[in-house]
Amino acid sequence: MEADAFRAIALGFEGVEERAHMEHPDFRVNGRIFATLHPGDTRGMVKVSPDEQRELLRTHPEAFEPSAGAWGRQGCTNVTLAKVDVRTARAALLVAYEGALKAPARRRRKPRV
């Protein structure tokens, strides 16, 4: 899978916007990040629950790994794009998207002056 395909899947869900976070693209719904693309476009991240993360790691250990530290323990899961097929990536992105939809909407911060 290429980064453009990952991006297209994420942006294909209703209400998603692409923004930037820490100098790389992220995908949000209700103001909540549910996926990102890492610099270099070889890896992405999906934010799923810890239980959903365990299932991804169990069924596709070559494609998914927990993000570092507390982020990973909370369900942030790295995706190696070259090792994931479109169907699996779409399923993981959908789970992440649905999780973000269920969470309360984030308020937008006012820019600091």
PDB file of N, CA and C in Angstrom:
ATOM      1  N   MET A   1       0.833  -1.174   0.000  1.00  0.00           N
ATOM      2  CA  MET A   1       0.000   0.000   0.000  1.00  0.00           C
ATOM      3  C   MET A   1       0.880   1.241   0.000  1.00  0.00           C
ATOM      4  N   GLU A   2       0.452   2.240  -0.708  1.00  0.00           N
ATOM      5  CA  GLU A   2       1.158   3.523  -0.771  1.00  0.00           C
ATOM      6  C   GLU A   2       0.472   4.531   0.157  1.00  0.00           C
ATOM      7  N   ALA A   3       1.200   5.567   0.519  1.00  0.00           N
ATOM      8  CA  ALA A   3       0.664   6.606   1.393  1.00  0.00           C
ATOM      9  C   ALA A   3      -0.570   7.273   0.781  1.00  0.00           C
ATOM     10  N   ASP A   4      -0.577   7.452  -0.538  1.00  0.00           N
ATOM     11  CA  ASP A   4      -1.729   8.083  -1.186  1.00  0.00           C
ATOM     12  C   ASP A   4      -2.992   7.249  -1.023  1.00  0.00           C
ATOM     13  N   ALA A   5      -2.869   5.933  -1.030  1.00  0.00           N
ATOM     14  CA  ALA A   5      -4.032   5.063  -0.835  1.00  0.00           C
ATOM     15  C   ALA A   5      -4.529   5.142   0.605  1.00  0.00           C
ATOM     16  N   PHE A   6      -3.603   5.158   1.576  1.00  0.00           N
ATOM     17  CA  PHE A   6      -3.954   5.309   2.986  1.00  0.00           C
ATOM     18  C   PHE A   6      -4.718   6.625   3.176  1.00  0.00           C
ATOM     19  N   ARG A   7      -4.193   7.695   2.609  1.00  0.00           N
ATOM     20  CA  ARG A   7      -4.819   9.023   2.685  1.00  0.00           C
ATOM     21  C   ARG A   7      -6.213   8.985   2.059  1.00  0.00           C
ATOM     22  N   ALA A   8      -6.341   8.389   0.887  1.00  0.00           N
ATOM     23  CA  ALA A   8      -7.629   8.349   0.183  1.00  0.00           C
ATOM     24  C   ALA A   8      -8.676   7.589   0.989  1.00  0.00           C
ATOM     25  N   ILE A   9      -8.275   6.488   1.612  1.00  0.00           N
ATOM     26  CA  ILE A   9      -9.225   5.737   2.440  1.00  0.00           C
ATOM     27  C   ILE A   9      -9.681   6.602   3.606  1.00  0.00           C
ATOM     28  N   ALA A  10      -8.729   7.196   4.328  1.00  0.00           N
ATOM     29  CA  ALA A  10      -9.071   8.023   5.489  1.00  0.00           C
ATOM     30  C   ALA A  10      -9.993   9.179   5.094  1.00  0.00           C
ATOM     31  N   LEU A  11      -9.681   9.848   3.995  1.00  0.00           N
ATOM     32  CA  LEU A  11     -10.486  10.984   3.564  1.00  0.00           C
ATOM     33  C   LEU A  11     -11.833  10.569   2.971  1.00  0.00           C
ATOM     34  N   GLY A  12     -11.997   9.289   2.686  1.00  0.00           N
ATOM     35  CA  GLY A  12     -13.250   8.797   2.125  1.00  0.00           C
ATOM     36  C   GLY A  12     -14.363   8.644   3.146  1.00  0.00           C
ATOM     37  N   PHE A  13     -14.039   8.685   4.429  1.00  0.00           N
ATOM     38  CA  PHE A  13     -15.067   8.593   5.455  1.00  0.00           C
ATOM     39  C   PHE A  13     -15.733   9.958   5.645  1.00  0.00           C
ATOM     40  N   GLU A  14     -16.999   9.950   5.946  1.00  0.00           N
ATOM     41  CA  GLU A  14     -17.774  11.189   6.054  1.00  0.00           C
ATOM     42  C   GLU A  14     -17.238  12.115   7.147  1.00  0.00           C
ATOM     43  N   GLY A  15     -17.103  13.384   6.792  1.00  0.00           N
ATOM     44  CA  GLY A  15     -16.740  14.403   7.760  1.00  0.00           C
ATOM     45  C   GLY A  15     -15.272  14.494   8.118  1.00  0.00           C
ATOM     46  N   VAL A  16     -14.410  13.776   7.405  1.00  0.00           N
ATOM     47  CA  VAL A  16     -12.978  13.761   7.736  1.00  0.00           C
ATOM     48  C   VAL A  16     -12.283  14.958   7.098  1.00  0.00           C
ATOM     49  N   GLU A  17     -11.380  15.535   7.864  1.00  0.00           N
ATOM     50  CA  GLU A  17     -10.535  16.591   7.329  1.00  0.00           C
ATOM     51  C   GLU A  17      -9.078  16.221   7.561  1.00  0.00           C
ATOM     52  N   GLU A  18      -8.238  16.619   6.626  1.00  0.00           N
ATOM     53  CA  GLU A  18      -6.793  16.432   6.771  1.00  0.00           C
ATOM     54  C   GLU A  18      -6.207  17.723   7.302  1.00  0.00           C
ATOM     55  N   ARG A  19      -5.419  17.590   8.344  1.00  0.00           N
ATOM     56  CA  ARG A  19      -4.708  18.723   8.915  1.00  0.00           C
ATOM     57  C   ARG A  19      -3.272  18.294   9.150  1.00  0.00           C
ATOM     58  N   ALA A  20      -2.545  19.054   9.907  1.00  0.00           N
ATOM     59  CA  ALA A  20      -1.153  18.702  10.213  1.00  0.00           C
ATOM     60  C   ALA A  20      -0.946  18.758  11.712  1.00  0.00           C
ATOM     61  N   HIS A  21      -0.129  17.833  12.201  1.00  0.00           N
ATOM     62  CA  HIS A  21       0.177  17.732  13.614  1.00  0.00           C
ATOM     63  C   HIS A  21       1.631  17.319  13.734  1.00  0.00           C
ATOM     64  N   MET A  22       2.425  18.090  14.429  1.00  0.00           N
ATOM     65  CA  MET A  22       3.843  17.787  14.588  1.00  0.00           C
ATOM     66  C   MET A  22       4.522  17.589  13.227  1.00  0.00           C
ATOM     67  N   GLU A  23       4.145  18.432  12.281  1.00  0.00           N
ATOM     68  CA  GLU A  23       4.732  18.477  10.944  1.00  0.00           C
ATOM     69  C   GLU A  23       4.492  17.227  10.086  1.00  0.00           C
ATOM     70  N   HIS A  24       3.385  16.535  10.333  1.00  0.00           N
ATOM     71  CA  HIS A  24       2.987  15.457   9.438  1.00  0.00           C
ATOM     72  C   HIS A  24       1.459  15.427   9.350  1.00  0.00           C
ATOM     73  N   PRO A  25       0.921  14.856   8.262  1.00  0.00           N
ATOM     74  CA  PRO A  25      -0.526  14.871   8.057  1.00  0.00           C
ATOM     75  C   PRO A  25      -1.264  14.041   9.102  1.00  0.00           C
ATOM     76  N   ASP A  26      -2.419  14.552   9.508  1.00  0.00           N
ATOM     77  CA  ASP A  26      -3.309  13.754  10.344  1.00  0.00           C
ATOM     78  C   ASP A  26      -4.717  13.837   9.768  1.00  0.00           C
ATOM     79  N   PHE A  27      -5.543  12.909  10.204  1.00  0.00           N
ATOM     80  CA  PHE A  27      -6.911  12.798   9.717  1.00  0.00           C
ATOM     81  C   PHE A  27      -7.826  12.846  10.923  1.00  0.00           C
ATOM     82  N   ARG A  28      -8.821  13.749  10.867  1.00  0.00           N
ATOM     83  CA  ARG A  28      -9.666  14.028  12.017  1.00  0.00           C
ATOM     84  C   ARG A  28     -11.141  13.971  11.650  1.00  0.00           C
ATOM     85  N   VAL A  29     -11.919  13.582  12.651  1.00  0.00           N
ATOM     86  CA  VAL A  29     -13.364  13.688  12.582  1.00  0.00           C
ATOM     87  C   VAL A  29     -13.806  14.170  13.962  1.00  0.00           C
ATOM     88  N   ASN A  30     -14.760  15.073  14.000  1.00  0.00           N
ATOM     89  CA  ASN A  30     -15.180  15.694  15.266  1.00  0.00           C
ATOM     90  C   ASN A  30     -14.013  16.352  15.985  1.00  0.00           C
ATOM     91  N   GLY A  31     -13.021  16.796  15.239  1.00  0.00           N
ATOM     92  CA  GLY A  31     -11.860  17.432  15.844  1.00  0.00           C
ATOM     93  C   GLY A  31     -10.885  16.468  16.486  1.00  0.00           C
ATOM     94  N   ARG A  32     -11.117  15.164  16.351  1.00  0.00           N
ATOM     95  CA  ARG A  32     -10.266  14.146  16.972  1.00  0.00           C
ATOM     96  C   ARG A  32      -9.429  13.422  15.920  1.00  0.00           C
ATOM     97  N   ILE A  33      -8.157  13.290  16.200  1.00  0.00           N
ATOM     98  CA  ILE A  33      -7.258  12.557  15.303  1.00  0.00           C
ATOM     99  C   ILE A  33      -7.548  11.067  15.431  1.00  0.00           C
ATOM    100  N   PHE A  34      -7.735  10.397  14.286  1.00  0.00           N
ATOM    101  CA  PHE A  34      -7.902   8.952  14.307  1.00  0.00           C
ATOM    102  C   PHE A  34      -6.823   8.245  13.498  1.00  0.00           C
ATOM    103  N   ALA A  35      -6.058   8.988  12.706  1.00  0.00           N
ATOM    104  CA  ALA A  35      -4.981   8.390  11.912  1.00  0.00           C
ATOM    105  C   ALA A  35      -3.986   9.478  11.513  1.00  0.00           C
ATOM    106  N   THR A  36      -2.765   9.055  11.242  1.00  0.00           N
ATOM    107  CA  THR A  36      -1.738   9.970  10.759  1.00  0.00           C
ATOM    108  C   THR A  36      -0.882   9.258   9.720  1.00  0.00           C
ATOM    109  N   LEU A  37      -0.132  10.043   8.978  1.00  0.00           N
ATOM    110  CA  LEU A  37       0.938   9.537   8.122  1.00  0.00           C
ATOM    111  C   LEU A  37       2.243  10.062   8.690  1.00  0.00           C
ATOM    112  N   HIS A  38       3.208   9.172   8.880  1.00  0.00           N
ATOM    113  CA  HIS A  38       4.506   9.571   9.407  1.00  0.00           C
ATOM    114  C   HIS A  38       5.337  10.229   8.304  1.00  0.00           C
ATOM    115  N   PRO A  39       6.285  11.086   8.675  1.00  0.00           N
ATOM    116  CA  PRO A  39       7.193  11.654   7.674  1.00  0.00           C
ATOM    117  C   PRO A  39       7.873  10.535   6.879  1.00  0.00           C
ATOM    118  N   GLY A  40       8.015  10.760   5.600  1.00  0.00           N
ATOM    119  CA  GLY A  40       8.616   9.755   4.729  1.00  0.00           C
ATOM    120  C   GLY A  40       7.599   8.871   4.045  1.00  0.00           C
ATOM    121  N   ASP A  41       6.346   8.922   4.513  1.00  0.00           N
ATOM    122  CA  ASP A  41       5.239   8.191   3.890  1.00  0.00           C
ATOM    123  C   ASP A  41       5.430   6.677   3.805  1.00  0.00           C
ATOM    124  N   THR A  42       6.190   6.094   4.734  1.00  0.00           N
ATOM    125  CA  THR A  42       6.324   4.633   4.738  1.00  0.00           C
ATOM    126  C   THR A  42       5.504   3.991   5.847  1.00  0.00           C
ATOM    127  N   ARG A  43       5.065   4.824   6.798  1.00  0.00           N
ATOM    128  CA  ARG A  43       4.260   4.307   7.902  1.00  0.00           C
ATOM    129  C   ARG A  43       3.113   5.261   8.201  1.00  0.00           C
ATOM    130  N   GLY A  44       2.068   4.693   8.741  1.00  0.00           N
ATOM    131  CA  GLY A  44       0.940   5.466   9.225  1.00  0.00           C
ATOM    132  C   GLY A  44       0.671   5.071  10.660  1.00  0.00           C
ATOM    133  N   MET A  45      -0.382   5.635  11.226  1.00  0.00           N
ATOM    134  CA  MET A  45      -0.809   5.297  12.574  1.00  0.00           C
ATOM    135  C   MET A  45      -2.324   5.323  12.590  1.00  0.00           C
ATOM    136  N   VAL A  46      -2.909   4.364  13.292  1.00  0.00           N
ATOM    137  CA  VAL A  46      -4.340   4.368  13.566  1.00  0.00           C
ATOM    138  C   VAL A  46      -4.517   4.371  15.072  1.00  0.00           C
ATOM    139  N   LYS A  47      -5.480   5.139  15.544  1.00  0.00           N
ATOM    140  CA  LYS A  47      -5.752   5.212  16.977  1.00  0.00           C
ATOM    141  C   LYS A  47      -6.973   4.351  17.260  1.00  0.00           C
ATOM    142  N   VAL A  48      -6.720   3.193  17.860  1.00  0.00           N
ATOM    143  CA  VAL A  48      -7.768   2.239  18.183  1.00  0.00           C
ATOM    144  C   VAL A  48      -7.729   1.974  19.686  1.00  0.00           C
ATOM    145  N   SER A  49      -8.659   1.185  20.193  1.00  0.00           N
ATOM    146  CA  SER A  49      -8.630   0.843  21.612  1.00  0.00           C
ATOM    147  C   SER A  49      -7.514  -0.179  21.848  1.00  0.00           C
ATOM    148  N   PRO A  50      -7.049  -0.325  23.082  1.00  0.00           N
ATOM    149  CA  PRO A  50      -6.035  -1.355  23.359  1.00  0.00           C
ATOM    150  C   PRO A  50      -6.489  -2.764  22.952  1.00  0.00           C
ATOM    151  N   ASP A  51      -7.768  -3.083  23.140  1.00  0.00           N
ATOM    152  CA  ASP A  51      -8.266  -4.407  22.722  1.00  0.00           C
ATOM    153  C   ASP A  51      -8.212  -4.561  21.207  1.00  0.00           C
ATOM    154  N   GLU A  52      -8.606  -3.521  20.492  1.00  0.00           N
ATOM    155  CA  GLU A  52      -8.554  -3.565  19.024  1.00  0.00           C
ATOM    156  C   GLU A  52      -7.101  -3.657  18.555  1.00  0.00           C
ATOM    157  N   GLN A  53      -6.216  -2.963  19.250  1.00  0.00           N
ATOM    158  CA  GLN A  53      -4.794  -3.037  18.920  1.00  0.00           C
ATOM    159  C   GLN A  53      -4.274  -4.467  19.068  1.00  0.00           C
ATOM    160  N   ARG A  54      -4.626  -5.122  20.178  1.00  0.00           N
ATOM    161  CA  ARG A  54      -4.176  -6.509  20.393  1.00  0.00           C
ATOM    162  C   ARG A  54      -4.639  -7.412  19.256  1.00  0.00           C
ATOM    163  N   GLU A  55      -5.854  -7.193  18.774  1.00  0.00           N
ATOM    164  CA  GLU A  55      -6.368  -8.007  17.666  1.00  0.00           C
ATOM    165  C   GLU A  55      -5.585  -7.743  16.379  1.00  0.00           C
ATOM    166  N   LEU A  56      -5.281  -6.489  16.088  1.00  0.00           N
ATOM    167  CA  LEU A  56      -4.472  -6.180  14.901  1.00  0.00           C
ATOM    168  C   LEU A  56      -3.089  -6.832  15.001  1.00  0.00           C
ATOM    169  N   LEU A  57      -2.481  -6.749  16.168  1.00  0.00           N
ATOM    170  CA  LEU A  57      -1.149  -7.344  16.360  1.00  0.00           C
ATOM    171  C   LEU A  57      -1.203  -8.865  16.233  1.00  0.00           C
ATOM    172  N   ARG A  58      -2.286  -9.459  16.715  1.00  0.00           N
ATOM    173  CA  ARG A  58      -2.428 -10.918  16.652  1.00  0.00           C
ATOM    174  C   ARG A  58      -2.629 -11.390  15.214  1.00  0.00           C
ATOM    175  N   THR A  59      -3.474 -10.682  14.471  1.00  0.00           N
ATOM    176  CA  THR A  59      -3.829 -11.148  13.129  1.00  0.00           C
ATOM    177  C   THR A  59      -2.879 -10.673  12.034  1.00  0.00           C
ATOM    178  N   HIS A  60      -2.163  -9.580  12.272  1.00  0.00           N
ATOM    179  CA  HIS A  60      -1.262  -9.020  11.252  1.00  0.00           C
ATOM    180  C   HIS A  60       0.020  -8.479  11.896  1.00  0.00           C
ATOM    181  N   PRO A  61       0.790  -9.340  12.540  1.00  0.00           N
ATOM    182  CA  PRO A  61       1.973  -8.869  13.270  1.00  0.00           C
ATOM    183  C   PRO A  61       3.042  -8.239  12.376  1.00  0.00           C
ATOM    184  N   GLU A  62       3.042  -8.579  11.110  1.00  0.00           N
ATOM    185  CA  GLU A  62       4.037  -8.022  10.203  1.00  0.00           C
ATOM    186  C   GLU A  62       3.708  -6.588   9.788  1.00  0.00           C
ATOM    187  N   ALA A  63       2.454  -6.188   9.917  1.00  0.00           N
ATOM    188  CA  ALA A  63       2.020  -4.878   9.446  1.00  0.00           C
ATOM    189  C   ALA A  63       1.795  -3.861  10.562  1.00  0.00           C
ATOM    190  N   PHE A  64       1.490  -4.333  11.772  1.00  0.00           N
ATOM    191  CA  PHE A  64       1.127  -3.428  12.864  1.00  0.00           C
ATOM    192  C   PHE A  64       2.053  -3.605  14.051  1.00  0.00           C
ATOM    193  N   GLU A  65       2.308  -2.486  14.746  1.00  0.00           N
ATOM    194  CA  GLU A  65       3.065  -2.520  15.997  1.00  0.00           C
ATOM    195  C   GLU A  65       2.599  -1.342  16.850  1.00  0.00           C
ATOM    196  N   PRO A  66       2.654  -1.491  18.176  1.00  0.00           N
ATOM    197  CA  PRO A  66       2.243  -0.377  19.027  1.00  0.00           C
ATOM    198  C   PRO A  66       3.171   0.818  18.837  1.00  0.00           C
ATOM    199  N   SER A  67       2.616   2.009  18.918  1.00  0.00           N
ATOM    200  CA  SER A  67       3.446   3.206  18.942  1.00  0.00           C
ATOM    201  C   SER A  67       4.232   3.196  20.255  1.00  0.00           C
ATOM    202  N   ALA A  68       5.247   4.018  20.334  1.00  0.00           N
ATOM    203  CA  ALA A  68       6.123   4.036  21.506  1.00  0.00           C
ATOM    204  C   ALA A  68       5.408   4.562  22.748  1.00  0.00           C
ATOM    205  N   GLY A  69       5.803   4.036  23.888  1.00  0.00           N
ATOM    206  CA  GLY A  69       5.401   4.557  25.191  1.00  0.00           C
ATOM    207  C   GLY A  69       3.916   4.543  25.468  1.00  0.00           C
ATOM    208  N   ALA A  70       3.492   5.582  26.180  1.00  0.00           N
ATOM    209  CA  ALA A  70       2.099   5.680  26.610  1.00  0.00           C
ATOM    210  C   ALA A  70       1.138   5.730  25.433  1.00  0.00           C
ATOM    211  N   TRP A  71       1.573   6.350  24.318  1.00  0.00           N
ATOM    212  CA  TRP A  71       0.701   6.396  23.141  1.00  0.00           C
ATOM    213  C   TRP A  71       0.338   4.979  22.707  1.00  0.00           C
ATOM    214  N   GLY A  72       1.325   4.109  22.650  1.00  0.00           N
ATOM    215  CA  GLY A  72       1.070   2.731  22.250  1.00  0.00           C
ATOM    216  C   GLY A  72       0.196   1.988  23.249  1.00  0.00           C
ATOM    217  N   ARG A  73       0.422   2.222  24.531  1.00  0.00           N
ATOM    218  CA  ARG A  73      -0.394   1.566  25.552  1.00  0.00           C
ATOM    219  C   ARG A  73      -1.852   2.016  25.486  1.00  0.00           C
ATOM    220  N   GLN A  74      -2.086   3.206  24.954  1.00  0.00           N
ATOM    221  CA  GLN A  74      -3.451   3.723  24.828  1.00  0.00           C
ATOM    222  C   GLN A  74      -4.125   3.289  23.521  1.00  0.00           C
ATOM    223  N   GLY A  75      -3.400   2.602  22.649  1.00  0.00           N
ATOM    224  CA  GLY A  75      -3.998   2.082  21.422  1.00  0.00           C
ATOM    225  C   GLY A  75      -3.455   2.646  20.126  1.00  0.00           C
ATOM    226  N   CYS A  76      -2.585   3.648  20.203  1.00  0.00           N
ATOM    227  CA  CYS A  76      -1.991   4.162  18.961  1.00  0.00           C
ATOM    228  C   CYS A  76      -1.137   3.061  18.348  1.00  0.00           C
ATOM    229  N   THR A  77      -1.399   2.747  17.097  1.00  0.00           N
ATOM    230  CA  THR A  77      -0.808   1.585  16.448  1.00  0.00           C
ATOM    231  C   THR A  77      -0.190   1.987  15.119  1.00  0.00           C
ATOM    232  N   ASN A  78       1.112   1.749  14.974  1.00  0.00           N
ATOM    233  CA  ASN A  78       1.808   2.056  13.728  1.00  0.00           C
ATOM    234  C   ASN A  78       1.482   1.010  12.674  1.00  0.00           C
ATOM    235  N   VAL A  79       1.407   1.463  11.438  1.00  0.00           N
ATOM    236  CA  VAL A  79       1.109   0.611  10.285  1.00  0.00           C
ATOM    237  C   VAL A  79       2.266   0.743   9.302  1.00  0.00           C
ATOM    238  N   THR A  80       2.916  -0.360   8.988  1.00  0.00           N
ATOM    239  CA  THR A  80       3.948  -0.357   7.948  1.00  0.00           C
ATOM    240  C   THR A  80       3.232  -0.522   6.613  1.00  0.00           C
ATOM    241  N   LEU A  81       3.194   0.545   5.832  1.00  0.00           N
ATOM    242  CA  LEU A  81       2.362   0.565   4.626  1.00  0.00           C
ATOM    243  C   LEU A  81       2.761  -0.504   3.613  1.00  0.00           C
ATOM    244  N   ALA A  82       4.036  -0.783   3.465  1.00  0.00           N
ATOM    245  CA  ALA A  82       4.489  -1.789   2.496  1.00  0.00           C
ATOM    246  C   ALA A  82       4.047  -3.201   2.882  1.00  0.00           C
ATOM    247  N   LYS A  83       3.630  -3.382   4.138  1.00  0.00           N
ATOM    248  CA  LYS A  83       3.280  -4.727   4.610  1.00  0.00           C
ATOM    249  C   LYS A  83       1.794  -4.913   4.890  1.00  0.00           C
ATOM    250  N   VAL A  84       0.990  -3.917   4.555  1.00  0.00           N
ATOM    251  CA  VAL A  84      -0.448  -4.043   4.808  1.00  0.00           C
ATOM    252  C   VAL A  84      -1.196  -3.989   3.482  1.00  0.00           C
ATOM    253  N   ASP A  85      -2.231  -4.825   3.363  1.00  0.00           N
ATOM    254  CA  ASP A  85      -3.048  -4.779   2.157  1.00  0.00           C
ATOM    255  C   ASP A  85      -4.173  -3.762   2.347  1.00  0.00           C
ATOM    256  N   VAL A  86      -4.771  -3.363   1.254  1.00  0.00           N
ATOM    257  CA  VAL A  86      -5.789  -2.311   1.271  1.00  0.00           C
ATOM    258  C   VAL A  86      -6.971  -2.708   2.149  1.00  0.00           C
ATOM    259  N   ARG A  87      -7.416  -3.926   2.053  1.00  0.00           N
ATOM    260  CA  ARG A  87      -8.589  -4.377   2.832  1.00  0.00           C
ATOM    261  C   ARG A  87      -8.325  -4.270   4.327  1.00  0.00           C
ATOM    262  N   THR A  88      -7.149  -4.710   4.769  1.00  0.00           N
ATOM    263  CA  THR A  88      -6.804  -4.659   6.189  1.00  0.00           C
ATOM    264  C   THR A  88      -6.630  -3.218   6.651  1.00  0.00           C
ATOM    265  N   ALA A  89      -5.979  -2.399   5.840  1.00  0.00           N
ATOM    266  CA  ALA A  89      -5.801  -0.990   6.193  1.00  0.00           C
ATOM    267  C   ALA A  89      -7.154  -0.291   6.291  1.00  0.00           C
ATOM    268  N   ARG A  90      -8.037  -0.565   5.350  1.00  0.00           N
ATOM    269  CA  ARG A  90      -9.372   0.049   5.374  1.00  0.00           C
ATOM    270  C   ARG A  90     -10.117  -0.358   6.647  1.00  0.00           C
ATOM    271  N   ALA A  91     -10.035  -1.619   7.025  1.00  0.00           N
ATOM    272  CA  ALA A  91     -10.715  -2.094   8.237  1.00  0.00           C
ATOM    273  C   ALA A  91     -10.156  -1.399   9.482  1.00  0.00           C
ATOM    274  N   ALA A  92      -8.834  -1.272   9.563  1.00  0.00           N
ATOM    275  CA  ALA A  92      -8.210  -0.620  10.718  1.00  0.00           C
ATOM    276  C   ALA A  92      -8.580   0.862  10.763  1.00  0.00           C
ATOM    277  N   LEU A  93      -8.554   1.518   9.613  1.00  0.00           N
ATOM    278  CA  LEU A  93      -8.946   2.928   9.567  1.00  0.00           C
ATOM    279  C   LEU A  93     -10.410   3.115   9.941  1.00  0.00           C
ATOM    280  N   LEU A  94     -11.265   2.205   9.526  1.00  0.00           N
ATOM    281  CA  LEU A  94     -12.685   2.301   9.865  1.00  0.00           C
ATOM    282  C   LEU A  94     -12.897   2.171  11.368  1.00  0.00           C
ATOM    283  N   VAL A  95     -12.207   1.233  11.998  1.00  0.00           N
ATOM    284  CA  VAL A  95     -12.310   1.071  13.451  1.00  0.00           C
ATOM    285  C   VAL A  95     -11.850   2.351  14.154  1.00  0.00           C
ATOM    286  N   ALA A  96     -10.742   2.916  13.704  1.00  0.00           N
ATOM    287  CA  ALA A  96     -10.220   4.146  14.296  1.00  0.00           C
ATOM    288  C   ALA A  96     -11.199   5.306  14.082  1.00  0.00           C
ATOM    289  N   TYR A  97     -11.733   5.420  12.887  1.00  0.00           N
ATOM    290  CA  TYR A  97     -12.699   6.468  12.555  1.00  0.00           C
ATOM    291  C   TYR A  97     -13.945   6.360  13.436  1.00  0.00           C
ATOM    292  N   GLU A  98     -14.478   5.153  13.548  1.00  0.00           N
ATOM    293  CA  GLU A  98     -15.681   4.953  14.359  1.00  0.00           C
ATOM    294  C   GLU A  98     -15.415   5.279  15.828  1.00  0.00           C
ATOM    295  N   GLY A  99     -14.226   4.958  16.313  1.00  0.00           N
ATOM    296  CA  GLY A  99     -13.871   5.308  17.684  1.00  0.00           C
ATOM    297  C   GLY A  99     -13.851   6.813  17.890  1.00  0.00           C
ATOM    298  N   ALA A 100     -13.324   7.537  16.925  1.00  0.00           N
ATOM    299  CA  ALA A 100     -13.283   8.994  17.025  1.00  0.00           C
ATOM    300  C   ALA A 100     -14.687   9.591  16.944  1.00  0.00           C
ATOM    301  N   LEU A 101     -15.561   8.967  16.174  1.00  0.00           N
ATOM    302  CA  LEU A 101     -16.942   9.452  16.083  1.00  0.00           C
ATOM    303  C   LEU A 101     -17.673   9.310  17.415  1.00  0.00           C
ATOM    304  N   LYS A 102     -17.377   8.248  18.145  1.00  0.00           N
ATOM    305  CA  LYS A 102     -18.052   7.982  19.422  1.00  0.00           C
ATOM    306  C   LYS A 102     -17.572   8.915  20.531  1.00  0.00           C
ATOM    307  N   ALA A 103     -16.359   9.400  20.424  1.00  0.00           N
ATOM    308  CA  ALA A 103     -15.799  10.277  21.459  1.00  0.00           C
ATOM    309  C   ALA A 103     -16.455  11.651  21.376  1.00  0.00           C
ATOM    310  N   PRO A 104     -16.551  12.338  22.501  1.00  0.00           N
ATOM    311  CA  PRO A 104     -17.107  13.699  22.448  1.00  0.00           C
ATOM    312  C   PRO A 104     -16.287  14.579  21.511  1.00  0.00           C
ATOM    313  N   ALA A 105     -16.967  15.458  20.796  1.00  0.00           N
ATOM    314  CA  ALA A 105     -16.274  16.360  19.872  1.00  0.00           C
ATOM    315  C   ALA A 105     -15.320  17.259  20.652  1.00  0.00           C
ATOM    316  N   ARG A 106     -14.165  17.501  20.062  1.00  0.00           N
ATOM    317  CA  ARG A 106     -13.180  18.398  20.687  1.00  0.00           C
ATOM    318  C   ARG A 106     -13.497  19.816  20.295  1.00  0.00           C
ATOM    319  N   ARG A 107     -13.332  20.703  21.251  1.00  0.00           N
ATOM    320  CA  ARG A 107     -13.494  22.119  20.946  1.00  0.00           C
ATOM    321  C   ARG A 107     -12.229  22.605  20.280  1.00  0.00           C
ATOM    322  N   ARG A 108     -12.392  23.460  19.317  1.00  0.00           N
ATOM    323  CA  ARG A 108     -11.228  24.063  18.654  1.00  0.00           C
ATOM    324  C   ARG A 108     -10.670  25.145  19.548  1.00  0.00           C
ATOM    325  N   ARG A 109      -9.364  25.142  19.673  1.00  0.00           N
ATOM    326  CA  ARG A 109      -8.705  26.166  20.465  1.00  0.00           C
ATOM    327  C   ARG A 109      -8.594  27.443  19.666  1.00  0.00           C
ATOM    328  N   LYS A 110      -8.689  28.548  20.386  1.00  0.00           N
ATOM    329  CA  LYS A 110      -8.471  29.828  19.741  1.00  0.00           C
ATOM    330  C   LYS A 110      -6.980  30.038  19.618  1.00  0.00           C
ATOM    331  N   PRO A 111      -6.524  30.580  18.492  1.00  0.00           N
ATOM    332  CA  PRO A 111      -5.089  30.826  18.330  1.00  0.00           C
ATOM    333  C   PRO A 111      -4.581  31.790  19.397  1.00  0.00           C
ATOM    334  N   ARG A 112      -3.374  31.525  19.877  1.00  0.00           N
ATOM    335  CA  ARG A 112      -2.758  32.428  20.843  1.00  0.00           C
ATOM    336  C   ARG A 112      -2.279  33.675  20.126  1.00  0.00           C
ATOM    337  N   VAL A 113      -2.411  34.790  20.795  1.00  0.00           N
ATOM    338  CA  VAL A 113      -1.993  36.064  20.211  1.00  0.00           C
ATOM    339  C   VAL A 113      -0.696  36.512  20.803  1.00  0.00           C
TER     340      VAL A 113
END
